[in-house]
Amino acid sequence: MTIARSAAEVLEKHVTLEVECIDRVYLNLYVPILQQERGVAYFWKHHRGYDFASSALMSPMSRDFVSKVERFTEQQGLELITFGKGQRKEDLAKEYLRRFDGEEGVLFVGKAQEKAKVIRTQRRRNPKTGKCYAWLYGSTSMVNHFYFYCVDRDFGPFFLKFCSYFPYNAKVCLNGHEYLKRQLEKRGIVHQPLDNGILACEDPQRLKRLCASLTHEKVDALIRKWFARLPHPFPASDRKAGYRYEISILQAEFSLTQVLDRPLTGRVFFEEIIRENLDLGRPDQVQLIFDRRILSNTKARFRTRVITEGVVPSLHVDFKRSKIKQYHKEGRALRTETVVNDTYDFGIGRKLHNLPALQEVGFATNRRLLDVQRISYDCSIGEDNFDRIARPVIVDGQRAAGLRFGDPRVLALLMALVLFRLLPRGFTNRDLRQEVAPLLGLDLATMTQGKMTYDLRRLRLHGLIERVPKSHRYTVTDTGLRVSVFLSRAYARLLRPGLAAIGPAALGPACLRDAFDGLDLAISAVWIDRTRAA
């Protein structure tokens, strides 16, 4: 078995299994009308029938909910654990899960003080009558939260967290890979698990279908099912009147796991990928990976981070509140993962029914990142292609000037083409002007539409771009992308620094220049010796 020589070869010939799956999903559960003070007042005065609305009415309801939790814990023979400061809840849950031998049930109940949104009462006085009245207002406070760590026969381990104070907002955290493992076990499909993933499977096609079977309807059904089993803060009369929980997406992770045939292949590949892609956090790269247009007034943090935990590096690229991360998982697989912390970053709503649209964005983002990395690492071109680009061409009677290597305008055009490759709708004359002008240090007004039309014609006749039928938009061809990446990188990373390093001594000492001087002396000595021998 040989070691792969390129990123494309790794991804095409050394991947034994690909698993594209929803990973961790963190959901927010809330009663919509009770998120505003007016809605809370309506609940107490019109639904419950009180003459006033005050936090004094909420305290008995909260005490009753806490009593329900304590009774449930006692009746089920469960432990009620108070989490310590800094204690890792997941580690404790894993210990209980190892001892659990049932198909489904509650592992334990945990309690922790955390900050939460609450409704408080303020005493106000009517300026006309002088009478006092209660005024509701939103605030935050450190209150107890109850964690129900459960195991479901279809979804595996998950937890549901309730705030113990009005309006009793809750959160659910589940894992799509755990769902996948349960489905494989139920169907008797032989597989080898990976920590938070699948390492091998006897039926990859069926595995793929099972990944797609995790829908928002099933997630909703899971939550409603356990609502009926666990203590509920709202009695049946409130739920019947319409005070029911809605579900929204707080955080969602969408992963692509590519299992490699041997650890060495993955590590060499990943380290090379990191070295070549430290600029992925730039706005021009981010807009391609995440397929979102970055404007001058876009409020976002753009950065690329390489984080090393032990000896395992991971690559992180941020976009607004979301990010994409990539790492070598357990030395066996390449994991590419888009983490959405705010669905509005992608123009998608937060309600659970938007999960399919968000899933499509997450998976596409993972694939685009791999495309960018494959292209940046495997961008060689042949001598014929180089000659064809640099010389003038005549196509269907139309003549176009050559794209001379090293010409600033040509280099600016090539750099712009790299940016436009992954835009699904292509680019326009105006888009090209906006990218090329800053690269040349020119004002946008001096880069006229006519100049761009001339350049677009050159690029098209050389086969680097093609026009979208019945439109004024263009797309970058495969050849155009490869040529653009190779020539722009060859100039920026090889020719320019190389010429600077071997320049005159006035430029300062450089190890590369010294090496070239040594090579020159060695060649001269060889030719002198040969001449003398002759």
Protein backbone atom coordinates (compact mmCIF):
# COMPACT_ATOMS: atom_id res chain seq x y z
CA MET A 1 0.00 0.00 0.00
CA THR A 2 1.52 3.34 -1.05
CA ILE A 3 1.20 6.68 0.69
CA ALA A 4 -0.99 9.15 -1.20
CA ARG A 5 0.87 11.92 -2.96
CA SER A 6 -1.92 14.51 -3.14
CA ALA A 7 -5.10 15.61 -1.43
CA ALA A 8 -7.20 14.51 -4.39
CA GLU A 9 -5.63 11.06 -4.29
CA VAL A 10 -6.36 10.74 -0.56
CA LEU A 11 -10.01 11.66 -0.99
CA GLU A 12 -10.54 9.57 -4.12
CA LYS A 13 -8.53 6.41 -3.41
CA HIS A 14 -7.90 6.14 0.32
CA VAL A 15 -11.36 6.79 1.82
CA THR A 16 -13.00 3.52 2.91
CA LEU A 17 -16.28 5.02 4.19
CA GLU A 18 -18.07 8.37 4.04
CA VAL A 19 -20.73 9.26 6.58
CA GLU A 20 -22.65 12.52 6.15
CA CYS A 21 -24.85 12.94 9.19
CA ILE A 22 -26.44 15.45 11.53
CA ASP A 23 -24.26 15.47 14.62
CA ARG A 24 -25.10 17.28 17.85
CA VAL A 25 -28.34 19.31 17.94
CA TYR A 26 -29.10 21.70 20.81
CA LEU A 27 -32.74 22.81 20.91
CA ASN A 28 -34.60 25.54 22.79
CA LEU A 29 -38.08 24.76 24.18
CA TYR A 30 -40.35 27.64 25.12
CA VAL A 31 -43.98 28.74 25.32
CA PRO A 32 -44.05 31.67 22.83
CA ILE A 33 -46.67 33.84 24.53
CA LEU A 34 -44.86 33.65 27.88
CA GLN A 35 -41.63 35.16 26.54
CA GLN A 36 -43.07 38.66 26.80
CA GLU A 37 -44.38 40.49 29.87
CA ARG A 38 -47.77 41.16 28.23
CA GLY A 39 -48.20 37.48 27.48
CA VAL A 40 -47.39 36.57 31.10
CA ALA A 41 -49.95 39.10 32.32
CA TYR A 42 -52.54 37.61 29.95
CA PHE A 43 -51.77 34.11 31.25
CA TRP A 44 -52.46 35.02 34.87
CA LYS A 45 -55.35 37.42 34.42
CA HIS A 46 -57.29 35.98 31.49
CA HIS A 47 -56.36 32.29 31.53
CA ARG A 48 -55.91 31.65 35.26
CA GLY A 49 -58.51 34.27 36.19
CA TYR A 50 -56.60 36.37 38.75
CA ASP A 51 -57.23 40.08 39.23
CA PHE A 52 -53.54 40.86 38.95
CA ALA A 53 -50.31 39.43 37.53
CA SER A 54 -47.35 39.13 39.84
CA SER A 55 -44.33 36.94 40.55
CA ALA A 56 -46.07 36.09 43.82
CA LEU A 57 -48.37 33.87 41.76
CA MET A 58 -45.42 32.16 40.12
CA SER A 59 -43.70 30.98 43.31
CA PRO A 60 -46.34 28.33 44.26
CA MET A 61 -46.26 27.03 40.68
CA SER A 62 -42.47 26.73 40.82
CA ARG A 63 -42.56 24.95 44.20
CA ASP A 64 -45.13 22.52 42.80
CA PHE A 65 -42.88 21.75 39.80
CA VAL A 66 -39.86 21.15 42.07
CA SER A 67 -41.99 18.80 44.20
CA LYS A 68 -43.00 16.88 41.07
CA VAL A 69 -39.37 16.42 40.14
CA GLU A 70 -38.43 15.20 43.62
CA ARG A 71 -41.38 12.76 43.71
CA PHE A 72 -40.53 11.47 40.25
CA THR A 73 -36.92 10.89 41.27
CA GLU A 74 -37.98 9.02 44.40
CA GLN A 75 -40.64 6.91 42.67
CA GLN A 76 -38.27 5.90 39.85
CA GLY A 77 -35.46 5.07 42.27
CA LEU A 78 -33.16 7.63 40.64
CA GLU A 79 -30.35 9.70 42.09
CA LEU A 80 -30.80 13.47 42.31
CA ILE A 81 -27.27 14.80 41.86
CA THR A 82 -26.21 18.38 42.53
CA PHE A 83 -23.52 19.21 39.99
CA GLY A 84 -20.38 20.75 41.41
CA LYS A 85 -18.73 23.84 40.01
CA GLY A 86 -16.66 22.91 36.96
CA GLN A 87 -17.88 19.30 36.99
CA ARG A 88 -18.18 17.78 33.52
CA LYS A 89 -21.74 16.55 33.21
CA GLU A 90 -20.97 14.45 30.12
CA ASP A 91 -18.33 12.41 31.99
CA LEU A 92 -20.82 11.61 34.75
CA ALA A 93 -23.47 10.68 32.18
CA LYS A 94 -21.03 8.25 30.51
CA GLU A 95 -20.46 6.46 33.83
CA TYR A 96 -24.19 5.97 34.34
CA LEU A 97 -24.62 4.92 30.70
CA ARG A 98 -22.00 2.16 31.11
CA ARG A 99 -23.99 0.72 34.02
CA PHE A 100 -27.36 1.03 32.24
CA ASP A 101 -28.60 -2.23 30.69
CA GLY A 102 -32.18 -1.33 29.69
CA GLU A 103 -33.56 -0.40 26.29
CA GLU A 104 -34.66 3.04 27.40
CA GLY A 105 -35.19 5.00 30.58
CA VAL A 106 -33.87 7.82 32.77
CA LEU A 107 -30.25 7.46 33.91
CA PHE A 108 -30.31 10.11 36.64
CA VAL A 109 -31.53 13.63 37.42
CA GLY A 110 -29.05 16.47 37.91
CA LYS A 111 -29.44 19.92 39.44
CA ALA A 112 -27.31 22.99 38.75
CA GLN A 113 -27.60 26.73 39.23
CA GLU A 114 -27.42 28.60 35.94
CA LYS A 115 -28.39 31.99 34.60
CA ALA A 116 -31.84 32.12 33.02
CA LYS A 117 -34.40 34.59 31.75
CA VAL A 118 -37.09 35.19 34.39
CA ILE A 119 -40.09 37.45 34.96
CA ARG A 120 -39.93 39.72 38.01
CA THR A 121 -42.38 42.12 39.63
CA GLN A 122 -41.74 45.78 40.34
CA ARG A 123 -43.94 47.87 42.60
CA ARG A 124 -45.18 51.02 40.85
CA ARG A 125 -47.49 53.85 41.83
CA ASN A 126 -50.20 55.37 39.64
CA PRO A 127 -49.40 59.11 39.40
CA LYS A 128 -53.10 60.04 39.17
CA THR A 129 -54.70 57.83 41.82
CA GLY A 130 -51.67 57.22 44.00
CA LYS A 131 -52.46 53.49 44.18
CA CYS A 132 -49.72 50.89 43.97
CA TYR A 133 -49.75 48.13 41.39
CA ALA A 134 -47.52 45.26 40.29
CA TRP A 135 -45.51 45.74 37.08
CA LEU A 136 -43.94 42.78 35.30
CA TYR A 137 -40.52 43.06 33.66
CA GLY A 138 -37.99 40.66 32.17
CA SER A 139 -34.69 40.00 33.89
CA THR A 140 -32.05 37.31 34.42
CA SER A 141 -31.23 35.39 37.56
CA MET A 142 -29.23 32.39 38.81
CA VAL A 143 -31.85 29.68 39.37
CA ASN A 144 -31.90 25.90 39.62
CA HIS A 145 -32.13 23.83 36.45
CA PHE A 146 -33.06 20.15 36.39
CA TYR A 147 -31.22 17.87 33.95
CA PHE A 148 -32.95 14.64 32.94
CA TYR A 149 -30.35 12.33 31.37
CA CYS A 150 -32.28 9.73 29.38
CA VAL A 151 -31.82 6.87 26.92
CA ASP A 152 -34.30 6.42 24.07
CA ARG A 153 -34.64 3.20 22.10
CA ASP A 154 -34.45 5.14 18.80
CA PHE A 155 -32.17 8.09 19.65
CA GLY A 156 -29.89 6.67 22.32
CA PRO A 157 -28.63 8.99 25.10
CA PHE A 158 -29.83 12.60 25.30
CA PHE A 159 -30.71 15.11 28.00
CA LEU A 160 -33.60 17.46 28.65
CA LYS A 161 -33.04 20.48 30.90
CA PHE A 162 -35.86 22.42 32.58
CA CYS A 163 -35.54 25.81 34.27
CA SER A 164 -37.32 25.59 37.62
CA TYR A 165 -38.61 29.17 37.44
CA PHE A 166 -41.40 30.74 35.37
CA PRO A 167 -41.77 30.60 32.31
CA TYR A 168 -39.91 27.24 32.62
CA ASN A 169 -37.92 27.35 29.40
CA ALA A 170 -36.18 24.10 28.57
CA LYS A 171 -33.42 22.75 26.34
CA VAL A 172 -32.78 19.39 24.68
CA CYS A 173 -29.46 18.04 23.44
CA LEU A 174 -29.32 14.96 21.20
CA ASN A 175 -26.79 13.39 18.85
CA GLY A 176 -27.47 12.21 15.30
CA HIS A 177 -24.65 9.64 15.37
CA GLU A 178 -26.19 8.00 18.43
CA TYR A 179 -29.47 7.82 16.54
CA LEU A 180 -27.61 6.23 13.63
CA LYS A 181 -25.98 3.58 15.83
CA ARG A 182 -29.37 2.64 17.32
CA GLN A 183 -30.91 2.25 13.87
CA LEU A 184 -28.05 0.02 12.70
CA GLU A 185 -28.39 -2.16 15.81
CA LYS A 186 -32.18 -2.49 15.41
CA ARG A 187 -31.76 -3.69 11.83
CA GLY A 188 -28.90 -6.05 12.60
CA ILE A 189 -26.47 -4.28 10.27
CA VAL A 190 -22.90 -5.15 11.21
CA HIS A 191 -20.85 -2.03 11.90
CA GLN A 192 -17.87 -0.81 13.89
CA PRO A 193 -18.53 2.29 15.99
CA LEU A 194 -16.22 5.26 16.30
CA ASP A 195 -16.45 7.75 19.14
CA ASN A 196 -19.30 9.93 17.93
CA GLY A 197 -19.23 8.27 14.52
CA ILE A 198 -19.08 5.09 12.43
CA LEU A 199 -15.74 3.51 11.50
CA ALA A 200 -16.97 0.68 9.25
CA CYS A 201 -20.29 -0.72 7.97
CA GLU A 202 -21.16 -3.78 5.91
CA ASP A 203 -23.87 -1.90 3.98
CA PRO A 204 -22.75 1.71 3.22
CA GLN A 205 -25.76 2.46 1.01
CA ARG A 206 -28.21 1.53 3.73
CA LEU A 207 -26.14 3.53 6.19
CA LYS A 208 -26.54 6.56 3.95
CA ARG A 209 -30.33 6.11 3.86
CA LEU A 210 -30.45 5.82 7.65
CA CYS A 211 -28.52 9.09 7.98
CA ALA A 212 -31.15 10.79 5.82
CA SER A 213 -33.98 9.29 7.91
CA LEU A 214 -33.26 11.62 10.84
CA THR A 215 -35.94 14.28 10.23
CA HIS A 216 -37.34 17.17 12.23
CA GLU A 217 -40.62 15.27 12.61
CA LYS A 218 -38.81 12.45 14.44
CA VAL A 219 -37.02 14.93 16.69
CA ASP A 220 -40.35 16.59 17.54
CA ALA A 221 -41.91 13.18 18.27
CA LEU A 222 -39.01 12.30 20.59
CA ILE A 223 -39.49 15.47 22.64
CA ARG A 224 -43.30 15.08 22.88
CA LYS A 225 -42.86 11.44 23.90
CA TRP A 226 -40.61 12.28 26.85
CA PHE A 227 -42.68 15.31 27.83
CA ALA A 228 -45.44 12.82 28.57
CA ARG A 229 -43.13 10.73 30.80
CA LEU A 230 -41.22 13.38 32.73
CA PRO A 231 -42.55 15.94 35.23
CA HIS A 232 -44.12 18.85 33.38
CA PRO A 233 -44.26 22.40 34.81
CA PHE A 234 -47.61 23.19 33.16
CA PRO A 235 -50.67 21.16 34.18
CA ALA A 236 -52.90 19.54 31.56
CA SER A 237 -55.43 22.40 31.73
CA ASP A 238 -52.76 24.91 30.64
CA ARG A 239 -51.55 22.70 27.80
CA LYS A 240 -55.12 22.11 26.63
CA ALA A 241 -55.62 25.89 26.49
CA GLY A 242 -52.70 26.19 24.07
CA TYR A 243 -49.78 26.85 26.40
CA ARG A 244 -47.54 24.30 24.75
CA TYR A 245 -43.83 24.28 24.07
CA GLU A 246 -42.47 25.31 20.69
CA ILE A 247 -39.05 24.06 19.53
CA SER A 248 -36.27 26.15 17.99
CA ILE A 249 -32.67 25.43 17.03
CA LEU A 250 -30.00 26.90 19.30
CA GLN A 251 -27.06 25.04 17.79
CA ALA A 252 -26.69 22.38 15.12
CA GLU A 253 -23.64 20.50 13.88
CA PHE A 254 -23.49 18.88 10.44
CA SER A 255 -20.58 16.52 9.89
CA LEU A 256 -18.86 14.69 7.07
CA THR A 257 -16.68 11.82 8.32
CA GLN A 258 -14.26 10.30 5.81
CA VAL A 259 -12.66 7.13 7.19
CA LEU A 260 -9.15 6.60 5.81
CA ASP A 261 -7.42 3.29 5.09
CA ARG A 262 -4.45 4.01 7.35
CA PRO A 263 -3.61 6.61 10.03
CA LEU A 264 -0.43 7.82 8.31
CA THR A 265 -2.34 8.79 5.18
CA GLY A 266 -4.73 10.96 7.15
CA ARG A 267 -2.11 12.68 9.26
CA VAL A 268 0.14 13.58 6.31
CA PHE A 269 -2.89 14.83 4.38
CA PHE A 270 -4.28 16.87 7.25
CA GLU A 271 -0.99 18.55 8.15
CA GLU A 272 -0.45 19.54 4.51
CA ILE A 273 -4.01 20.85 4.29
CA ILE A 274 -3.51 23.01 7.40
CA ARG A 275 -0.26 24.42 6.03
CA GLU A 276 -1.87 25.39 2.73
CA ASN A 277 -5.12 26.85 4.11
CA LEU A 278 -4.22 29.26 6.87
CA ASP A 279 -5.88 32.04 4.85
CA LEU A 280 -9.34 30.41 4.80
CA GLY A 281 -10.62 32.88 7.40
CA ARG A 282 -10.24 35.85 5.05
CA PRO A 283 -13.58 37.41 4.05
CA ASP A 284 -13.08 36.58 0.35
CA GLN A 285 -12.53 32.89 1.22
CA VAL A 286 -15.27 32.77 3.86
CA GLN A 287 -17.93 33.96 1.45
CA LEU A 288 -17.10 31.07 -0.86
CA ILE A 289 -17.08 28.36 1.78
CA PHE A 290 -20.27 29.52 3.49
CA ASP A 291 -21.93 30.79 0.26
CA ARG A 292 -22.77 34.13 1.89
CA ARG A 293 -21.94 37.52 0.35
CA ILE A 294 -19.56 39.55 2.51
CA LEU A 295 -20.13 43.31 2.20
CA SER A 296 -18.05 46.16 3.55
CA ASN A 297 -20.55 46.72 6.36
CA THR A 298 -20.88 43.03 7.32
CA LYS A 299 -20.42 42.76 11.07
CA ALA A 300 -18.50 39.57 11.59
CA ARG A 301 -15.23 38.23 12.90
CA PHE A 302 -13.06 36.59 10.26
CA ARG A 303 -10.22 34.39 11.39
CA THR A 304 -8.53 31.03 10.90
CA ARG A 305 -7.34 29.17 13.97
CA VAL A 306 -5.25 26.05 14.34
CA ILE A 307 -5.88 24.57 17.77
CA THR A 308 -3.78 21.69 19.05
CA GLU A 309 -5.14 19.40 21.73
CA GLY A 310 -2.33 17.08 22.75
CA VAL A 311 -0.75 16.24 19.40
CA VAL A 312 -3.93 16.47 17.33
CA PRO A 313 -4.37 19.76 15.43
CA SER A 314 -7.75 21.09 14.32
CA LEU A 315 -8.58 23.80 11.79
CA HIS A 316 -11.30 26.37 12.64
CA VAL A 317 -12.78 28.98 10.28
CA ASP A 318 -15.26 31.48 11.75
CA PHE A 319 -18.22 33.14 10.02
CA LYS A 320 -20.27 35.51 12.20
CA ARG A 321 -21.52 33.33 15.08
CA SER A 322 -21.05 30.07 13.19
CA LYS A 323 -17.92 28.18 12.19
CA ILE A 324 -16.54 25.20 10.35
CA LYS A 325 -13.95 22.95 11.93
CA GLN A 326 -11.84 20.10 10.63
CA TYR A 327 -9.73 17.57 12.49
CA HIS A 328 -8.22 14.09 12.29
CA LYS A 329 -10.57 11.99 14.42
CA GLU A 330 -8.89 9.33 16.56
CA GLY A 331 -6.20 8.93 13.90
CA ARG A 332 -8.67 7.11 11.64
CA ALA A 333 -10.94 9.62 9.92
CA LEU A 334 -11.06 13.15 8.57
CA ARG A 335 -13.97 14.98 10.22
CA THR A 336 -15.29 18.15 8.57
CA GLU A 337 -18.01 19.82 10.61
CA THR A 338 -20.12 22.94 10.16
CA VAL A 339 -21.38 24.33 13.48
CA VAL A 340 -24.35 26.70 13.20
CA ASN A 341 -24.79 28.81 16.33
CA ASP A 342 -27.31 31.18 14.78
CA THR A 343 -29.52 30.09 11.88
CA TYR A 344 -29.99 33.73 10.86
CA ASP A 345 -26.34 33.76 9.73
CA PHE A 346 -27.66 31.89 6.69
CA GLY A 347 -31.03 33.61 6.34
CA ILE A 348 -32.91 30.63 7.83
CA GLY A 349 -35.47 30.73 10.65
CA ARG A 350 -34.87 29.10 14.04
CA LYS A 351 -37.98 26.90 14.24
CA LEU A 352 -37.35 23.14 14.17
CA HIS A 353 -39.08 22.70 10.80
CA ASN A 354 -36.15 24.63 9.26
CA LEU A 355 -33.76 21.77 10.09
CA PRO A 356 -33.79 20.32 6.51
CA ALA A 357 -32.83 23.71 5.00
CA LEU A 358 -30.10 24.15 7.60
CA GLN A 359 -28.89 20.61 6.97
CA GLU A 360 -28.54 21.35 3.27
CA VAL A 361 -26.43 24.44 4.07
CA GLY A 362 -24.23 22.54 6.54
CA PHE A 363 -23.47 19.61 4.23
CA ALA A 364 -22.83 21.90 1.25
CA THR A 365 -20.44 24.01 3.34
CA ASN A 366 -18.44 20.92 4.29
CA ARG A 367 -18.13 19.89 0.66
CA ARG A 368 -17.11 23.38 -0.46
CA LEU A 369 -14.32 23.48 2.12
CA LEU A 370 -12.96 20.17 0.83
CA ASP A 371 -13.20 21.45 -2.76
CA VAL A 372 -11.20 24.56 -1.87
CA GLN A 373 -8.58 22.45 -0.09
CA ARG A 374 -8.32 19.90 -2.90
CA ILE A 375 -7.86 22.66 -5.46
CA SER A 376 -5.33 24.62 -3.40
CA TYR A 377 -3.23 21.51 -2.83
CA ASP A 378 -3.50 19.86 -6.27
CA CYS A 379 -3.17 22.73 -8.74
CA SER A 380 -0.55 21.55 -11.24
CA ILE A 381 -0.92 22.39 -14.95
CA GLY A 382 0.89 21.10 -18.00
CA GLU A 383 3.31 22.93 -20.31
CA ASP A 384 0.76 22.94 -23.14
CA ASN A 385 -1.80 24.66 -20.94
CA PHE A 386 0.75 27.24 -19.84
CA ASP A 387 1.73 27.96 -23.46
CA ARG A 388 -1.90 28.18 -24.57
CA ILE A 389 -2.69 30.72 -21.84
CA ALA A 390 0.37 32.91 -22.34
CA ARG A 391 0.06 33.20 -26.17
CA PRO A 392 -2.64 34.94 -28.22
CA VAL A 393 -5.45 32.69 -29.49
CA ILE A 394 -7.98 32.79 -32.34
CA VAL A 395 -11.33 31.11 -31.66
CA ASP A 396 -14.09 31.13 -34.32
CA GLY A 397 -12.41 34.07 -36.01
CA GLN A 398 -12.10 36.04 -32.78
CA ARG A 399 -8.61 36.95 -31.61
CA ALA A 400 -7.70 37.40 -27.95
CA ALA A 401 -4.40 38.61 -26.49
CA GLY A 402 -2.36 36.26 -24.32
CA LEU A 403 -2.51 36.25 -20.54
CA ARG A 404 1.14 36.92 -19.75
CA PHE A 405 2.43 35.35 -16.56
CA GLY A 406 3.65 38.06 -14.17
CA ASP A 407 1.50 40.83 -15.61
CA PRO A 408 -0.19 42.56 -12.62
CA ARG A 409 -3.55 42.82 -14.37
CA VAL A 410 -3.50 39.17 -15.40
CA LEU A 411 -2.57 38.09 -11.87
CA ALA A 412 -5.42 40.17 -10.45
CA LEU A 413 -7.85 38.50 -12.87
CA LEU A 414 -6.62 35.03 -11.94
CA MET A 415 -6.92 35.75 -8.20
CA ALA A 416 -10.48 36.96 -8.75
CA LEU A 417 -11.39 33.78 -10.67
CA VAL A 418 -10.34 31.65 -7.69
CA LEU A 419 -12.83 33.56 -5.54
CA PHE A 420 -15.69 33.20 -8.03
CA ARG A 421 -15.31 29.47 -8.69
CA LEU A 422 -17.63 28.27 -5.94
CA LEU A 423 -20.42 30.81 -6.47
CA PRO A 424 -23.31 28.69 -7.77
CA ARG A 425 -24.86 31.53 -9.82
CA GLY A 426 -21.58 32.71 -11.31
CA PHE A 427 -20.36 36.33 -11.46
CA THR A 428 -20.94 39.48 -13.48
CA ASN A 429 -18.85 42.26 -15.01
CA ARG A 430 -19.51 44.37 -11.92
CA ASP A 431 -18.46 41.58 -9.54
CA LEU A 432 -15.15 41.21 -11.39
CA ARG A 433 -14.49 44.96 -11.32
CA GLN A 434 -15.07 45.11 -7.56
CA GLU A 435 -12.45 42.41 -6.99
CA VAL A 436 -9.83 43.39 -9.58
CA ALA A 437 -9.67 47.13 -8.82
CA PRO A 438 -8.51 46.74 -5.16
CA LEU A 439 -5.99 44.07 -6.18
CA LEU A 440 -4.42 46.57 -8.59
CA GLY A 441 -4.63 49.40 -6.05
CA LEU A 442 -7.03 51.34 -8.28
CA ASP A 443 -10.20 53.26 -7.67
CA LEU A 444 -13.31 51.42 -8.78
CA ALA A 445 -14.19 54.40 -11.02
CA THR A 446 -10.97 54.00 -13.03
CA MET A 447 -11.71 50.33 -13.73
CA THR A 448 -14.39 50.89 -16.36
CA GLN A 449 -16.96 48.42 -17.59
CA GLY A 450 -15.30 48.47 -21.01
CA LYS A 451 -11.97 47.32 -19.57
CA MET A 452 -13.69 44.45 -17.79
CA THR A 453 -15.53 43.49 -20.98
CA TYR A 454 -12.16 43.24 -22.75
CA ASP A 455 -10.79 41.05 -19.93
CA LEU A 456 -13.90 38.86 -19.84
CA ARG A 457 -13.52 38.27 -23.57
CA ARG A 458 -9.87 37.26 -23.10
CA LEU A 459 -10.72 34.88 -20.29
CA ARG A 460 -13.59 33.34 -22.25
CA LEU A 461 -11.65 32.73 -25.45
CA HIS A 462 -8.80 31.16 -23.48
CA GLY A 463 -11.32 28.76 -21.94
CA LEU A 464 -10.94 29.97 -18.35
CA ILE A 465 -14.58 31.06 -18.05
CA GLU A 466 -17.80 30.38 -19.92
CA ARG A 467 -20.92 32.43 -20.27
CA VAL A 468 -24.17 31.34 -18.68
CA PRO A 469 -26.71 31.00 -21.55
CA LYS A 470 -29.16 33.90 -21.95
CA SER A 471 -27.52 35.97 -19.21
CA HIS A 472 -24.64 38.33 -18.51
CA ARG A 473 -23.15 36.03 -15.90
CA TYR A 474 -20.06 33.84 -16.17
CA THR A 475 -18.80 30.72 -14.44
CA VAL A 476 -15.22 29.55 -13.98
CA THR A 477 -14.34 26.34 -15.85
CA ASP A 478 -12.35 23.48 -14.34
CA THR A 479 -9.35 24.46 -16.45
CA GLY A 480 -9.78 28.09 -15.43
CA LEU A 481 -9.74 27.19 -11.76
CA ARG A 482 -6.66 25.01 -12.01
CA VAL A 483 -4.77 27.59 -14.07
CA SER A 484 -5.80 30.45 -11.77
CA VAL A 485 -4.75 28.69 -8.59
CA PHE A 486 -1.46 27.44 -10.00
CA LEU A 487 -0.27 30.68 -11.61
CA SER A 488 -1.36 32.98 -8.77
CA ARG A 489 0.26 30.76 -6.14
CA ALA A 490 3.39 30.17 -8.20
CA TYR A 491 3.88 33.93 -8.45
CA ALA A 492 3.00 34.76 -4.83
CA ARG A 493 4.75 31.85 -3.12
CA LEU A 494 7.62 30.91 -5.41
CA LEU A 495 8.63 33.54 -7.95
CA ARG A 496 8.30 36.74 -5.92
CA PRO A 497 9.91 35.52 -2.65
CA GLY A 498 12.48 33.48 -4.59
CA LEU A 499 13.66 36.44 -6.64
CA ALA A 500 13.82 38.57 -3.49
CA ALA A 501 15.92 35.93 -1.74
CA ILE A 502 18.51 35.63 -4.52
CA GLY A 503 18.72 39.34 -5.22
CA PRO A 504 21.71 41.61 -4.54
CA ALA A 505 23.31 41.68 -1.11
CA ALA A 506 21.78 45.08 -0.44
CA LEU A 507 18.51 43.28 0.20
CA GLY A 508 20.02 41.66 3.28
CA PRO A 509 21.26 38.12 4.03
CA ALA A 510 19.03 35.18 3.15
CA CYS A 511 19.65 31.44 3.45
CA LEU A 512 18.02 30.80 0.08
CA ARG A 513 20.32 33.30 -1.66
CA ASP A 514 23.32 31.67 0.01
CA ALA A 515 22.17 28.28 -1.26
CA PHE A 516 21.88 29.62 -4.81
CA ASP A 517 25.37 31.16 -4.53
CA GLY A 518 26.75 27.79 -3.38
CA LEU A 519 25.02 26.04 -6.29
CA ASP A 520 26.49 28.54 -8.74
CA LEU A 521 30.01 27.99 -7.37
CA ALA A 522 29.62 24.20 -7.54
CA ILE A 523 28.46 24.33 -11.17
CA SER A 524 31.30 26.66 -12.10
CA ALA A 525 33.85 24.37 -10.42
CA VAL A 526 32.56 21.33 -12.33
CA TRP A 527 32.80 23.08 -15.69
CA ILE A 528 36.31 24.39 -14.89
CA ASP A 529 37.47 20.87 -13.96
CA ARG A 530 35.99 19.43 -17.19
CA THR A 531 37.63 22.16 -19.29
CA ARG A 532 41.02 21.50 -17.71
CA ALA A 533 40.67 17.74 -18.25
CA ALA A 534 39.89 18.31 -21.92
